[in-house]
Amino acid sequence: MSPQDTPDRTPTLDLGPQARIVARLAEGVGDAALEDPTPCPDMAVRNLLGHLTGLAAAFRDAARKDLGATTDTSPDASVPDIGPGWREQLPKVLDELADAWRAPEAWTGMTRAGGLDLPGAVAGAVAADELVIHGWDLARATGQEYTPDPAALQASHGFLAAAAEESDGGGGIFGPVVPVPDDAPLLDRAVGLSGRDPGWTRPVL
């Protein structure tokens, strides 16, 4: 993770810009695209949107140290899906996520997400990573342009690189690392570290 440190040593990273990018991507998804495939194995667009909604709530509550059902449930517990009000719910919970991580205390102490106990600063880095990588997933799946927030991208890449190094470089936290040239754009390198092929394109249906 690489958020900047303030003089009181509290790490900070504003997740608001990246959360708004993801919200705009979701707004651009037409109903006809909901069943389309995504770079996430076994996830259609609707499942990816459902996952984004759930993770935004989980990391919002992790920042607040409001531990319970949202923070205790493993993301692998079930295949996520959207509800009828997802177009209003997703941007709302993304805003709440960003606001929760603006509190300095969110970055300190311990919290929980996905059923795992972890330091607040690590949870913030994971939240940034989830928004960056799943933003890429959604953009690729729906044919939208995507430029992530630079600070969130830096945090995502730092988190993924550290995770790959801890596993001897071969096993990222989301799947085997896909080799990407060292001089590739930072987003491509982060995507490769996440276990995805940066060249993934929508299949011709």
N, C-alpha and C. Protein backbone atom coordinates (compact mmCIF):
# COMPACT_ATOMS: atom_id res chain seq x y z
N MET A 1 0.84 -1.20 0.00
CA MET A 1 0.00 0.00 0.00
C MET A 1 0.88 1.24 0.00
N SER A 2 0.43 2.29 -0.67
CA SER A 2 1.27 3.47 -0.71
C SER A 2 0.50 4.78 -0.53
N PRO A 3 -0.47 4.86 0.39
CA PRO A 3 -1.05 6.18 0.65
C PRO A 3 -0.03 7.06 1.32
N GLN A 4 -0.18 8.37 1.17
CA GLN A 4 0.74 9.30 1.79
C GLN A 4 0.50 9.36 3.29
N ASP A 5 1.56 9.67 4.03
CA ASP A 5 1.43 9.84 5.47
C ASP A 5 1.32 11.32 5.80
N THR A 6 0.40 11.65 6.67
CA THR A 6 0.29 13.00 7.18
C THR A 6 1.29 13.16 8.32
N PRO A 7 1.53 14.39 8.82
CA PRO A 7 2.50 14.56 9.90
C PRO A 7 2.21 13.73 11.13
N ASP A 8 0.94 13.41 11.40
CA ASP A 8 0.65 12.60 12.58
C ASP A 8 0.73 11.11 12.28
N ARG A 9 1.26 10.78 11.14
CA ARG A 9 1.50 9.39 10.70
C ARG A 9 0.23 8.63 10.39
N THR A 10 -0.87 9.30 10.24
CA THR A 10 -2.10 8.64 9.85
C THR A 10 -2.14 8.52 8.32
N PRO A 11 -2.18 7.28 7.78
CA PRO A 11 -2.21 7.14 6.33
C PRO A 11 -3.53 7.66 5.76
N THR A 12 -3.47 8.29 4.63
CA THR A 12 -4.68 8.83 4.02
C THR A 12 -4.73 8.48 2.55
N LEU A 13 -5.90 8.20 2.08
CA LEU A 13 -6.16 7.98 0.66
C LEU A 13 -7.63 8.26 0.44
N ASP A 14 -7.93 9.25 -0.39
CA ASP A 14 -9.31 9.59 -0.66
C ASP A 14 -9.84 8.64 -1.72
N LEU A 15 -10.77 7.78 -1.32
CA LEU A 15 -11.36 6.82 -2.25
C LEU A 15 -12.49 7.42 -3.08
N GLY A 16 -12.83 8.68 -2.79
CA GLY A 16 -13.95 9.32 -3.48
C GLY A 16 -13.80 9.38 -4.99
N PRO A 17 -12.65 9.83 -5.53
CA PRO A 17 -12.51 9.89 -6.99
C PRO A 17 -12.70 8.53 -7.67
N GLN A 18 -12.11 7.48 -7.11
CA GLN A 18 -12.27 6.15 -7.72
C GLN A 18 -13.69 5.63 -7.56
N ALA A 19 -14.30 5.90 -6.42
CA ALA A 19 -15.69 5.47 -6.22
C ALA A 19 -16.61 6.14 -7.24
N ARG A 20 -16.36 7.42 -7.53
CA ARG A 20 -17.19 8.11 -8.51
C ARG A 20 -16.98 7.56 -9.92
N ILE A 21 -15.76 7.16 -10.23
CA ILE A 21 -15.48 6.55 -11.54
C ILE A 21 -16.27 5.25 -11.69
N VAL A 22 -16.26 4.44 -10.65
CA VAL A 22 -17.01 3.18 -10.70
C VAL A 22 -18.50 3.45 -10.82
N ALA A 23 -19.00 4.45 -10.11
CA ALA A 23 -20.42 4.79 -10.19
C ALA A 23 -20.79 5.22 -11.61
N ARG A 24 -19.92 5.99 -12.26
CA ARG A 24 -20.20 6.42 -13.64
C ARG A 24 -20.19 5.23 -14.60
N LEU A 25 -19.28 4.30 -14.38
CA LEU A 25 -19.27 3.10 -15.22
C LEU A 25 -20.57 2.32 -15.05
N ALA A 26 -21.01 2.17 -13.81
CA ALA A 26 -22.26 1.44 -13.56
C ALA A 26 -23.45 2.14 -14.20
N GLU A 27 -23.44 3.47 -14.16
CA GLU A 27 -24.51 4.24 -14.79
C GLU A 27 -24.57 3.98 -16.29
N GLY A 28 -23.42 3.68 -16.89
CA GLY A 28 -23.36 3.45 -18.32
C GLY A 28 -23.73 2.04 -18.76
N VAL A 29 -24.09 1.20 -17.83
CA VAL A 29 -24.46 -0.19 -18.15
C VAL A 29 -25.93 -0.26 -18.53
N GLY A 30 -26.20 -0.67 -19.74
CA GLY A 30 -27.59 -0.86 -20.16
C GLY A 30 -28.14 -2.19 -19.70
N ASP A 31 -29.44 -2.28 -19.60
CA ASP A 31 -30.06 -3.53 -19.16
C ASP A 31 -29.69 -4.71 -20.05
N ALA A 32 -29.49 -4.46 -21.32
CA ALA A 32 -29.17 -5.54 -22.25
C ALA A 32 -27.80 -6.15 -21.99
N ALA A 33 -26.94 -5.43 -21.27
CA ALA A 33 -25.58 -5.92 -21.00
C ALA A 33 -25.48 -6.73 -19.72
N LEU A 34 -26.54 -6.83 -18.95
CA LEU A 34 -26.44 -7.43 -17.63
C LEU A 34 -26.05 -8.90 -17.66
N GLU A 35 -26.36 -9.59 -18.74
CA GLU A 35 -26.02 -11.01 -18.82
C GLU A 35 -24.71 -11.26 -19.54
N ASP A 36 -24.02 -10.21 -19.97
CA ASP A 36 -22.77 -10.37 -20.71
C ASP A 36 -21.66 -10.87 -19.79
N PRO A 37 -20.67 -11.58 -20.35
CA PRO A 37 -19.55 -12.07 -19.55
C PRO A 37 -18.62 -10.94 -19.13
N THR A 38 -17.81 -11.20 -18.10
CA THR A 38 -16.82 -10.26 -17.60
C THR A 38 -15.48 -10.97 -17.48
N PRO A 39 -14.40 -10.22 -17.23
CA PRO A 39 -13.11 -10.90 -16.98
C PRO A 39 -13.10 -11.75 -15.72
N CYS A 40 -14.08 -11.60 -14.84
CA CYS A 40 -14.18 -12.42 -13.64
C CYS A 40 -14.81 -13.76 -13.99
N PRO A 41 -14.12 -14.87 -13.79
CA PRO A 41 -14.69 -16.18 -14.12
C PRO A 41 -16.04 -16.40 -13.44
N ASP A 42 -16.97 -16.92 -14.20
CA ASP A 42 -18.30 -17.28 -13.67
C ASP A 42 -19.12 -16.09 -13.20
N MET A 43 -18.76 -14.88 -13.64
CA MET A 43 -19.54 -13.70 -13.27
C MET A 43 -20.01 -12.99 -14.52
N ALA A 44 -21.32 -12.83 -14.66
CA ALA A 44 -21.87 -11.94 -15.67
C ALA A 44 -21.83 -10.52 -15.12
N VAL A 45 -22.16 -9.55 -15.96
CA VAL A 45 -22.14 -8.16 -15.54
C VAL A 45 -23.02 -7.95 -14.31
N ARG A 46 -24.19 -8.58 -14.28
CA ARG A 46 -25.09 -8.40 -13.15
C ARG A 46 -24.46 -8.90 -11.85
N ASN A 47 -23.70 -10.01 -11.93
CA ASN A 47 -23.03 -10.53 -10.74
C ASN A 47 -21.91 -9.61 -10.29
N LEU A 48 -21.18 -9.04 -11.25
CA LEU A 48 -20.12 -8.10 -10.91
C LEU A 48 -20.69 -6.86 -10.23
N LEU A 49 -21.80 -6.36 -10.74
CA LEU A 49 -22.45 -5.20 -10.12
C LEU A 49 -22.94 -5.55 -8.71
N GLY A 50 -23.47 -6.75 -8.54
CA GLY A 50 -23.89 -7.19 -7.21
C GLY A 50 -22.70 -7.30 -6.27
N HIS A 51 -21.58 -7.78 -6.79
CA HIS A 51 -20.37 -7.87 -5.97
C HIS A 51 -19.87 -6.50 -5.57
N LEU A 52 -19.89 -5.56 -6.49
CA LEU A 52 -19.48 -4.20 -6.17
C LEU A 52 -20.36 -3.59 -5.09
N THR A 53 -21.65 -3.83 -5.17
CA THR A 53 -22.57 -3.32 -4.15
C THR A 53 -22.25 -3.90 -2.79
N GLY A 54 -22.02 -5.21 -2.75
CA GLY A 54 -21.73 -5.87 -1.48
C GLY A 54 -20.39 -5.46 -0.90
N LEU A 55 -19.36 -5.36 -1.76
CA LEU A 55 -18.05 -5.01 -1.23
C LEU A 55 -18.01 -3.55 -0.77
N ALA A 56 -18.76 -2.68 -1.45
CA ALA A 56 -18.81 -1.29 -1.02
C ALA A 56 -19.42 -1.19 0.38
N ALA A 57 -20.48 -1.95 0.62
CA ALA A 57 -21.09 -1.95 1.96
C ALA A 57 -20.14 -2.54 2.99
N ALA A 58 -19.45 -3.62 2.61
CA ALA A 58 -18.54 -4.28 3.55
C ALA A 58 -17.38 -3.37 3.94
N PHE A 59 -16.77 -2.70 2.97
CA PHE A 59 -15.63 -1.86 3.29
C PHE A 59 -16.06 -0.52 3.90
N ARG A 60 -17.27 -0.08 3.62
CA ARG A 60 -17.84 1.06 4.36
C ARG A 60 -17.90 0.73 5.84
N ASP A 61 -18.45 -0.44 6.14
CA ASP A 61 -18.61 -0.83 7.54
C ASP A 61 -17.26 -1.18 8.18
N ALA A 62 -16.32 -1.70 7.38
CA ALA A 62 -14.98 -1.96 7.92
C ALA A 62 -14.32 -0.65 8.35
N ALA A 63 -14.50 0.40 7.55
CA ALA A 63 -13.94 1.71 7.92
C ALA A 63 -14.57 2.23 9.19
N ARG A 64 -15.86 2.02 9.34
CA ARG A 64 -16.58 2.50 10.53
C ARG A 64 -16.34 1.61 11.75
N LYS A 65 -15.68 0.47 11.56
CA LYS A 65 -15.53 -0.56 12.61
C LYS A 65 -16.90 -1.05 13.06
N ASP A 66 -17.84 -1.05 12.13
CA ASP A 66 -19.20 -1.52 12.38
C ASP A 66 -19.27 -2.97 11.91
N LEU A 67 -18.75 -3.87 12.74
CA LEU A 67 -18.56 -5.25 12.32
C LEU A 67 -19.83 -6.06 12.51
N GLY A 68 -20.11 -6.89 11.51
CA GLY A 68 -21.33 -7.69 11.54
C GLY A 68 -21.46 -8.49 10.26
N ALA A 69 -22.70 -8.64 9.79
CA ALA A 69 -22.95 -9.51 8.64
C ALA A 69 -22.19 -9.05 7.39
N THR A 70 -22.11 -7.74 7.16
CA THR A 70 -21.47 -7.27 5.94
C THR A 70 -19.97 -7.53 5.94
N THR A 71 -19.35 -7.44 7.11
CA THR A 71 -17.90 -7.60 7.20
C THR A 71 -17.46 -9.04 7.48
N ASP A 72 -18.39 -9.86 7.96
CA ASP A 72 -18.03 -11.23 8.36
C ASP A 72 -18.20 -12.25 7.24
N THR A 73 -18.89 -11.88 6.17
CA THR A 73 -19.22 -12.84 5.12
C THR A 73 -18.11 -12.92 4.08
N SER A 74 -17.67 -14.13 3.78
CA SER A 74 -16.66 -14.32 2.74
C SER A 74 -17.24 -13.98 1.38
N PRO A 75 -16.46 -13.33 0.49
CA PRO A 75 -16.98 -13.02 -0.85
C PRO A 75 -17.25 -14.26 -1.67
N ASP A 76 -16.73 -15.40 -1.24
CA ASP A 76 -16.96 -16.65 -1.97
C ASP A 76 -18.17 -17.41 -1.45
N ALA A 77 -18.89 -16.83 -0.49
CA ALA A 77 -20.00 -17.55 0.14
C ALA A 77 -21.12 -17.84 -0.85
N SER A 78 -21.33 -16.94 -1.82
CA SER A 78 -22.40 -17.14 -2.79
C SER A 78 -22.11 -16.28 -4.01
N VAL A 79 -22.79 -16.56 -5.12
CA VAL A 79 -22.65 -15.75 -6.32
C VAL A 79 -23.51 -14.50 -6.14
N PRO A 80 -22.91 -13.32 -6.16
CA PRO A 80 -23.68 -12.10 -5.93
C PRO A 80 -24.59 -11.78 -7.11
N ASP A 81 -25.59 -10.98 -6.85
CA ASP A 81 -26.51 -10.55 -7.91
C ASP A 81 -27.06 -9.18 -7.52
N ILE A 82 -27.66 -8.53 -8.48
CA ILE A 82 -28.25 -7.22 -8.23
C ILE A 82 -29.70 -7.37 -7.80
N GLY A 83 -30.18 -6.37 -7.07
CA GLY A 83 -31.58 -6.29 -6.74
C GLY A 83 -32.27 -5.29 -7.64
N PRO A 84 -33.58 -5.14 -7.51
CA PRO A 84 -34.32 -4.24 -8.39
C PRO A 84 -33.91 -2.77 -8.26
N GLY A 85 -33.38 -2.38 -7.12
CA GLY A 85 -33.01 -0.98 -6.93
C GLY A 85 -31.53 -0.71 -7.03
N TRP A 86 -30.81 -1.56 -7.77
CA TRP A 86 -29.35 -1.46 -7.77
C TRP A 86 -28.84 -0.14 -8.35
N ARG A 87 -29.57 0.44 -9.29
CA ARG A 87 -29.09 1.68 -9.91
C ARG A 87 -29.07 2.84 -8.91
N GLU A 88 -29.91 2.82 -7.92
CA GLU A 88 -29.88 3.83 -6.87
C GLU A 88 -28.97 3.38 -5.72
N GLN A 89 -28.98 2.09 -5.42
CA GLN A 89 -28.24 1.59 -4.27
C GLN A 89 -26.73 1.65 -4.46
N LEU A 90 -26.23 1.25 -5.64
CA LEU A 90 -24.79 1.17 -5.83
C LEU A 90 -24.10 2.53 -5.69
N PRO A 91 -24.54 3.59 -6.39
CA PRO A 91 -23.86 4.87 -6.19
C PRO A 91 -23.97 5.40 -4.77
N LYS A 92 -25.09 5.10 -4.11
CA LYS A 92 -25.26 5.56 -2.73
C LYS A 92 -24.24 4.90 -1.81
N VAL A 93 -24.09 3.58 -1.93
CA VAL A 93 -23.17 2.89 -1.03
C VAL A 93 -21.72 3.20 -1.39
N LEU A 94 -21.44 3.50 -2.65
CA LEU A 94 -20.09 3.92 -3.03
C LEU A 94 -19.75 5.27 -2.39
N ASP A 95 -20.71 6.18 -2.37
CA ASP A 95 -20.50 7.47 -1.69
C ASP A 95 -20.26 7.26 -0.20
N GLU A 96 -21.02 6.35 0.40
CA GLU A 96 -20.87 6.07 1.82
C GLU A 96 -19.50 5.46 2.12
N LEU A 97 -19.05 4.59 1.23
CA LEU A 97 -17.72 3.99 1.37
C LEU A 97 -16.64 5.07 1.38
N ALA A 98 -16.69 5.95 0.39
CA ALA A 98 -15.68 7.00 0.30
C ALA A 98 -15.72 7.89 1.53
N ASP A 99 -16.90 8.25 1.98
CA ASP A 99 -17.03 9.12 3.14
C ASP A 99 -16.48 8.45 4.39
N ALA A 100 -16.73 7.16 4.54
CA ALA A 100 -16.28 6.44 5.74
C ALA A 100 -14.76 6.41 5.82
N TRP A 101 -14.09 6.29 4.67
CA TRP A 101 -12.63 6.21 4.68
C TRP A 101 -11.96 7.58 4.76
N ARG A 102 -12.73 8.64 4.78
CA ARG A 102 -12.16 9.97 5.01
C ARG A 102 -11.91 10.22 6.50
N ALA A 103 -12.45 9.39 7.35
CA ALA A 103 -12.23 9.52 8.79
C ALA A 103 -10.85 8.96 9.13
N PRO A 104 -9.97 9.74 9.77
CA PRO A 104 -8.62 9.25 10.08
C PRO A 104 -8.63 7.94 10.87
N GLU A 105 -9.61 7.78 11.75
CA GLU A 105 -9.63 6.57 12.57
C GLU A 105 -9.93 5.31 11.77
N ALA A 106 -10.45 5.46 10.55
CA ALA A 106 -10.68 4.29 9.71
C ALA A 106 -9.37 3.57 9.39
N TRP A 107 -8.29 4.33 9.33
CA TRP A 107 -6.99 3.80 8.93
C TRP A 107 -6.17 3.26 10.09
N THR A 108 -6.68 3.33 11.29
CA THR A 108 -5.94 2.90 12.47
C THR A 108 -6.62 1.71 13.11
N GLY A 109 -5.89 1.01 13.96
CA GLY A 109 -6.45 -0.13 14.66
C GLY A 109 -6.75 -1.29 13.75
N MET A 110 -7.53 -2.20 14.25
CA MET A 110 -7.92 -3.40 13.50
C MET A 110 -9.38 -3.30 13.06
N THR A 111 -9.70 -4.01 11.99
CA THR A 111 -11.08 -4.10 11.52
C THR A 111 -11.26 -5.47 10.87
N ARG A 112 -12.34 -5.62 10.14
CA ARG A 112 -12.61 -6.92 9.50
C ARG A 112 -13.30 -6.68 8.17
N ALA A 113 -12.95 -7.52 7.19
CA ALA A 113 -13.63 -7.49 5.89
C ALA A 113 -13.51 -8.88 5.27
N GLY A 114 -14.58 -9.33 4.65
CA GLY A 114 -14.56 -10.65 4.04
C GLY A 114 -14.33 -11.77 5.04
N GLY A 115 -14.66 -11.52 6.30
CA GLY A 115 -14.46 -12.52 7.34
C GLY A 115 -13.05 -12.58 7.88
N LEU A 116 -12.16 -11.67 7.44
CA LEU A 116 -10.77 -11.68 7.87
C LEU A 116 -10.48 -10.44 8.71
N ASP A 117 -9.77 -10.64 9.82
CA ASP A 117 -9.32 -9.52 10.62
C ASP A 117 -8.04 -8.95 10.01
N LEU A 118 -7.97 -7.63 9.88
CA LEU A 118 -6.80 -7.01 9.28
C LEU A 118 -6.68 -5.56 9.74
N PRO A 119 -5.45 -5.01 9.68
CA PRO A 119 -5.29 -3.60 10.09
C PRO A 119 -6.10 -2.67 9.21
N GLY A 120 -6.53 -1.56 9.79
CA GLY A 120 -7.34 -0.61 9.05
C GLY A 120 -6.65 -0.12 7.79
N ALA A 121 -5.33 0.15 7.87
CA ALA A 121 -4.61 0.65 6.70
C ALA A 121 -4.60 -0.38 5.57
N VAL A 122 -4.49 -1.66 5.93
CA VAL A 122 -4.53 -2.71 4.91
C VAL A 122 -5.92 -2.81 4.31
N ALA A 123 -6.94 -2.71 5.15
CA ALA A 123 -8.31 -2.76 4.63
C ALA A 123 -8.57 -1.62 3.66
N GLY A 124 -8.02 -0.44 3.94
CA GLY A 124 -8.18 0.68 3.01
C GLY A 124 -7.52 0.41 1.68
N ALA A 125 -6.33 -0.22 1.71
CA ALA A 125 -5.65 -0.57 0.47
C ALA A 125 -6.44 -1.62 -0.31
N VAL A 126 -7.01 -2.57 0.40
CA VAL A 126 -7.83 -3.59 -0.27
C VAL A 126 -9.06 -2.94 -0.91
N ALA A 127 -9.67 -2.00 -0.22
CA ALA A 127 -10.83 -1.30 -0.78
C ALA A 127 -10.46 -0.58 -2.07
N ALA A 128 -9.31 0.11 -2.05
CA ALA A 128 -8.85 0.78 -3.26
C ALA A 128 -8.63 -0.21 -4.38
N ASP A 129 -8.00 -1.34 -4.05
CA ASP A 129 -7.73 -2.36 -5.06
C ASP A 129 -9.01 -2.92 -5.65
N GLU A 130 -9.97 -3.20 -4.81
CA GLU A 130 -11.25 -3.74 -5.30
C GLU A 130 -11.92 -2.76 -6.26
N LEU A 131 -11.89 -1.49 -5.92
CA LEU A 131 -12.53 -0.50 -6.79
C LEU A 131 -11.79 -0.34 -8.11
N VAL A 132 -10.46 -0.37 -8.06
CA VAL A 132 -9.67 -0.21 -9.29
C VAL A 132 -9.83 -1.41 -10.21
N ILE A 133 -9.63 -2.60 -9.67
CA ILE A 133 -9.65 -3.80 -10.52
C ILE A 133 -11.05 -4.12 -11.00
N HIS A 134 -12.03 -4.01 -10.14
CA HIS A 134 -13.40 -4.30 -10.59
C HIS A 134 -13.93 -3.18 -11.49
N GLY A 135 -13.40 -1.97 -11.32
CA GLY A 135 -13.73 -0.93 -12.30
C GLY A 135 -13.24 -1.32 -13.68
N TRP A 136 -12.02 -1.84 -13.74
CA TRP A 136 -11.48 -2.33 -15.02
C TRP A 136 -12.35 -3.46 -15.57
N ASP A 137 -12.72 -4.41 -14.69
CA ASP A 137 -13.59 -5.52 -15.12
C ASP A 137 -14.87 -4.99 -15.77
N LEU A 138 -15.50 -4.03 -15.09
CA LEU A 138 -16.78 -3.52 -15.57
C LEU A 138 -16.61 -2.76 -16.88
N ALA A 139 -15.56 -1.97 -16.96
CA ALA A 139 -15.33 -1.22 -18.19
C ALA A 139 -15.08 -2.16 -19.37
N ARG A 140 -14.24 -3.15 -19.17
CA ARG A 140 -13.95 -4.09 -20.26
C ARG A 140 -15.20 -4.87 -20.67
N ALA A 141 -15.97 -5.29 -19.69
CA ALA A 141 -17.15 -6.10 -19.98
C ALA A 141 -18.21 -5.33 -20.74
N THR A 142 -18.24 -4.01 -20.55
CA THR A 142 -19.31 -3.20 -21.15
C THR A 142 -18.80 -2.25 -22.23
N GLY A 143 -17.52 -2.37 -22.59
CA GLY A 143 -16.98 -1.58 -23.69
C GLY A 143 -16.85 -0.11 -23.40
N GLN A 144 -16.58 0.25 -22.13
CA GLN A 144 -16.45 1.66 -21.75
C GLN A 144 -14.98 2.03 -21.55
N GLU A 145 -14.66 3.29 -21.79
CA GLU A 145 -13.32 3.79 -21.53
C GLU A 145 -13.08 3.82 -20.02
N TYR A 146 -11.82 3.61 -19.63
CA TYR A 146 -11.52 3.53 -18.20
C TYR A 146 -10.15 4.12 -17.89
N THR A 147 -10.15 5.14 -17.05
CA THR A 147 -8.92 5.70 -16.51
C THR A 147 -9.11 5.80 -15.00
N PRO A 148 -8.49 4.92 -14.22
CA PRO A 148 -8.71 4.96 -12.77
C PRO A 148 -8.05 6.17 -12.14
N ASP A 149 -8.47 6.47 -10.93
CA ASP A 149 -7.85 7.53 -10.17
C ASP A 149 -6.39 7.17 -9.90
N PRO A 150 -5.44 8.05 -10.20
CA PRO A 150 -4.02 7.70 -10.06
C PRO A 150 -3.61 7.25 -8.66
N ALA A 151 -4.12 7.93 -7.63
CA ALA A 151 -3.74 7.55 -6.26
C ALA A 151 -4.27 6.18 -5.90
N ALA A 152 -5.51 5.89 -6.29
CA ALA A 152 -6.08 4.57 -6.01
C ALA A 152 -5.34 3.50 -6.79
N LEU A 153 -4.95 3.81 -8.03
CA LEU A 153 -4.20 2.85 -8.83
C LEU A 153 -2.85 2.54 -8.20
N GLN A 154 -2.17 3.57 -7.71
CA GLN A 154 -0.89 3.34 -7.04
C GLN A 154 -1.06 2.44 -5.82
N ALA A 155 -2.10 2.69 -5.03
CA ALA A 155 -2.35 1.86 -3.85
C ALA A 155 -2.69 0.43 -4.25
N SER A 156 -3.50 0.28 -5.30
CA SER A 156 -3.87 -1.05 -5.77
C SER A 156 -2.63 -1.83 -6.23
N HIS A 157 -1.80 -1.19 -7.05
CA HIS A 157 -0.61 -1.87 -7.55
C HIS A 157 0.33 -2.23 -6.41
N GLY A 158 0.52 -1.32 -5.46
CA GLY A 158 1.39 -1.62 -4.33
C GLY A 158 0.89 -2.79 -3.51
N PHE A 159 -0.41 -2.84 -3.28
CA PHE A 159 -1.00 -3.94 -2.52
C PHE A 159 -0.83 -5.26 -3.26
N LEU A 160 -1.15 -5.28 -4.55
CA LEU A 160 -1.06 -6.51 -5.33
C LEU A 160 0.38 -6.99 -5.49
N ALA A 161 1.31 -6.05 -5.68
CA ALA A 161 2.72 -6.42 -5.81
C ALA A 161 3.23 -7.05 -4.52
N ALA A 162 2.85 -6.47 -3.37
CA ALA A 162 3.27 -7.04 -2.10
C ALA A 162 2.68 -8.43 -1.90
N ALA A 163 1.42 -8.61 -2.28
CA ALA A 163 0.78 -9.92 -2.13
C ALA A 163 1.46 -10.95 -3.02
N ALA A 164 1.82 -10.57 -4.25
CA ALA A 164 2.50 -11.50 -5.16
C ALA A 164 3.88 -11.86 -4.64
N GLU A 165 4.57 -10.86 -4.06
CA GLU A 165 5.91 -11.12 -3.53
C GLU A 165 5.85 -12.09 -2.36
N GLU A 166 4.84 -11.94 -1.53
CA GLU A 166 4.70 -12.84 -0.39
C GLU A 166 4.43 -14.27 -0.83
N SER A 167 3.86 -14.44 -2.03
CA SER A 167 3.57 -15.78 -2.54
C SER A 167 4.60 -16.21 -3.58
N ASP A 168 5.80 -15.64 -3.50
CA ASP A 168 6.90 -15.96 -4.43
C ASP A 168 6.60 -15.54 -5.85
N GLY A 169 5.71 -14.57 -6.04
CA GLY A 169 5.47 -13.99 -7.35
C GLY A 169 4.54 -14.75 -8.25
N GLY A 170 4.13 -15.95 -7.89
CA GLY A 170 3.34 -16.74 -8.81
C GLY A 170 1.85 -16.72 -8.55
N GLY A 171 1.47 -16.50 -7.30
CA GLY A 171 0.06 -16.60 -6.97
C GLY A 171 -0.49 -15.33 -6.40
N GLY A 172 -1.17 -14.53 -7.21
CA GLY A 172 -1.82 -13.34 -6.69
C GLY A 172 -3.00 -13.72 -5.84
N ILE A 173 -3.56 -12.72 -5.16
CA ILE A 173 -4.66 -13.04 -4.25
C ILE A 173 -5.94 -13.41 -4.99
N PHE A 174 -6.05 -13.04 -6.27
CA PHE A 174 -7.25 -13.37 -7.05
C PHE A 174 -7.01 -14.47 -8.06
N GLY A 175 -5.79 -14.99 -8.15
CA GLY A 175 -5.47 -16.02 -9.13
C GLY A 175 -4.02 -15.90 -9.54
N PRO A 176 -3.51 -16.86 -10.32
CA PRO A 176 -2.11 -16.81 -10.75
C PRO A 176 -1.81 -15.51 -11.48
N VAL A 177 -0.66 -14.92 -11.16
CA VAL A 177 -0.26 -13.67 -11.79
C VAL A 177 -0.07 -13.88 -13.29
N VAL A 178 -0.59 -12.96 -14.09
CA VAL A 178 -0.40 -12.99 -15.54
C VAL A 178 0.81 -12.10 -15.86
N PRO A 179 1.87 -12.66 -16.47
CA PRO A 179 3.06 -11.86 -16.74
C PRO A 179 2.74 -10.67 -17.66
N VAL A 180 3.26 -9.51 -17.28
CA VAL A 180 3.08 -8.27 -18.03
C VAL A 180 4.45 -7.59 -18.11
N PRO A 181 4.82 -7.03 -19.26
CA PRO A 181 6.12 -6.37 -19.36
C PRO A 181 6.31 -5.28 -18.30
N ASP A 182 7.56 -5.13 -17.85
CA ASP A 182 7.85 -4.14 -16.81
C ASP A 182 7.57 -2.72 -17.26
N ASP A 183 7.62 -2.48 -18.58
CA ASP A 183 7.38 -1.13 -19.07
C ASP A 183 5.94 -0.91 -19.51
N ALA A 184 5.06 -1.86 -19.19
CA ALA A 184 3.64 -1.71 -19.51
C ALA A 184 3.03 -0.63 -18.63
N PRO A 185 1.89 -0.04 -19.02
CA PRO A 185 1.22 0.93 -18.16
C PRO A 185 0.93 0.33 -16.78
N LEU A 186 0.91 1.20 -15.78
CA LEU A 186 0.72 0.73 -14.42
C LEU A 186 -0.59 -0.03 -14.27
N LEU A 187 -1.65 0.41 -14.95
CA LEU A 187 -2.93 -0.30 -14.86
C LEU A 187 -2.79 -1.72 -15.38
N ASP A 188 -2.11 -1.91 -16.50
CA ASP A 188 -1.91 -3.25 -17.04
C ASP A 188 -1.13 -4.12 -16.06
N ARG A 189 -0.13 -3.53 -15.42
CA ARG A 189 0.66 -4.31 -14.47
C ARG A 189 -0.18 -4.70 -13.25
N ALA A 190 -1.04 -3.79 -12.80
CA ALA A 190 -1.92 -4.13 -11.68
C ALA A 190 -2.92 -5.21 -12.08
N VAL A 191 -3.47 -5.10 -13.27
CA VAL A 191 -4.42 -6.11 -13.76
C VAL A 191 -3.75 -7.47 -13.84
N GLY A 192 -2.51 -7.51 -14.36
CA GLY A 192 -1.80 -8.78 -14.42
C GLY A 192 -1.54 -9.36 -13.04
N LEU A 193 -1.17 -8.51 -12.09
CA LEU A 193 -0.95 -8.99 -10.73
C LEU A 193 -2.23 -9.52 -10.09
N SER A 194 -3.37 -9.03 -10.56
CA SER A 194 -4.65 -9.50 -10.02
C SER A 194 -5.08 -10.84 -10.61
N GLY A 195 -4.28 -11.36 -11.55
CA GLY A 195 -4.62 -12.65 -12.16
C GLY A 195 -5.45 -12.54 -13.41
N ARG A 196 -5.49 -11.34 -14.01
CA ARG A 196 -6.28 -11.12 -15.21
C ARG A 196 -5.34 -10.80 -16.39
N ASP A 197 -5.83 -11.08 -17.57
CA ASP A 197 -5.10 -10.74 -18.79
C ASP A 197 -5.48 -9.32 -19.19
N PRO A 198 -4.53 -8.38 -19.20
CA PRO A 198 -4.87 -7.01 -19.58
C PRO A 198 -5.41 -6.89 -21.00
N GLY A 199 -5.19 -7.89 -21.82
CA GLY A 199 -5.70 -7.87 -23.20
C GLY A 199 -7.10 -8.46 -23.34
N TRP A 200 -7.74 -8.78 -22.22
CA TRP A 200 -9.08 -9.39 -22.29
C TRP A 200 -10.05 -8.46 -22.99
N THR A 201 -10.81 -9.02 -23.91
CA THR A 201 -11.87 -8.25 -24.58
C THR A 201 -13.15 -9.05 -24.55
N ARG A 202 -14.24 -8.36 -24.74
CA ARG A 202 -15.53 -9.02 -24.74
C ARG A 202 -15.61 -10.03 -25.88
N PRO A 203 -16.04 -11.25 -25.61
CA PRO A 203 -16.21 -12.21 -26.70
C PRO A 203 -17.32 -11.78 -27.64
N VAL A 204 -17.20 -12.16 -28.88
CA VAL A 204 -18.25 -11.85 -29.86
C VAL A 204 -19.40 -12.80 -29.61
N LEU A 205 -20.54 -12.21 -29.29
CA LEU A 205 -21.73 -13.02 -28.93
C LEU A 205 -22.64 -13.21 -30.14
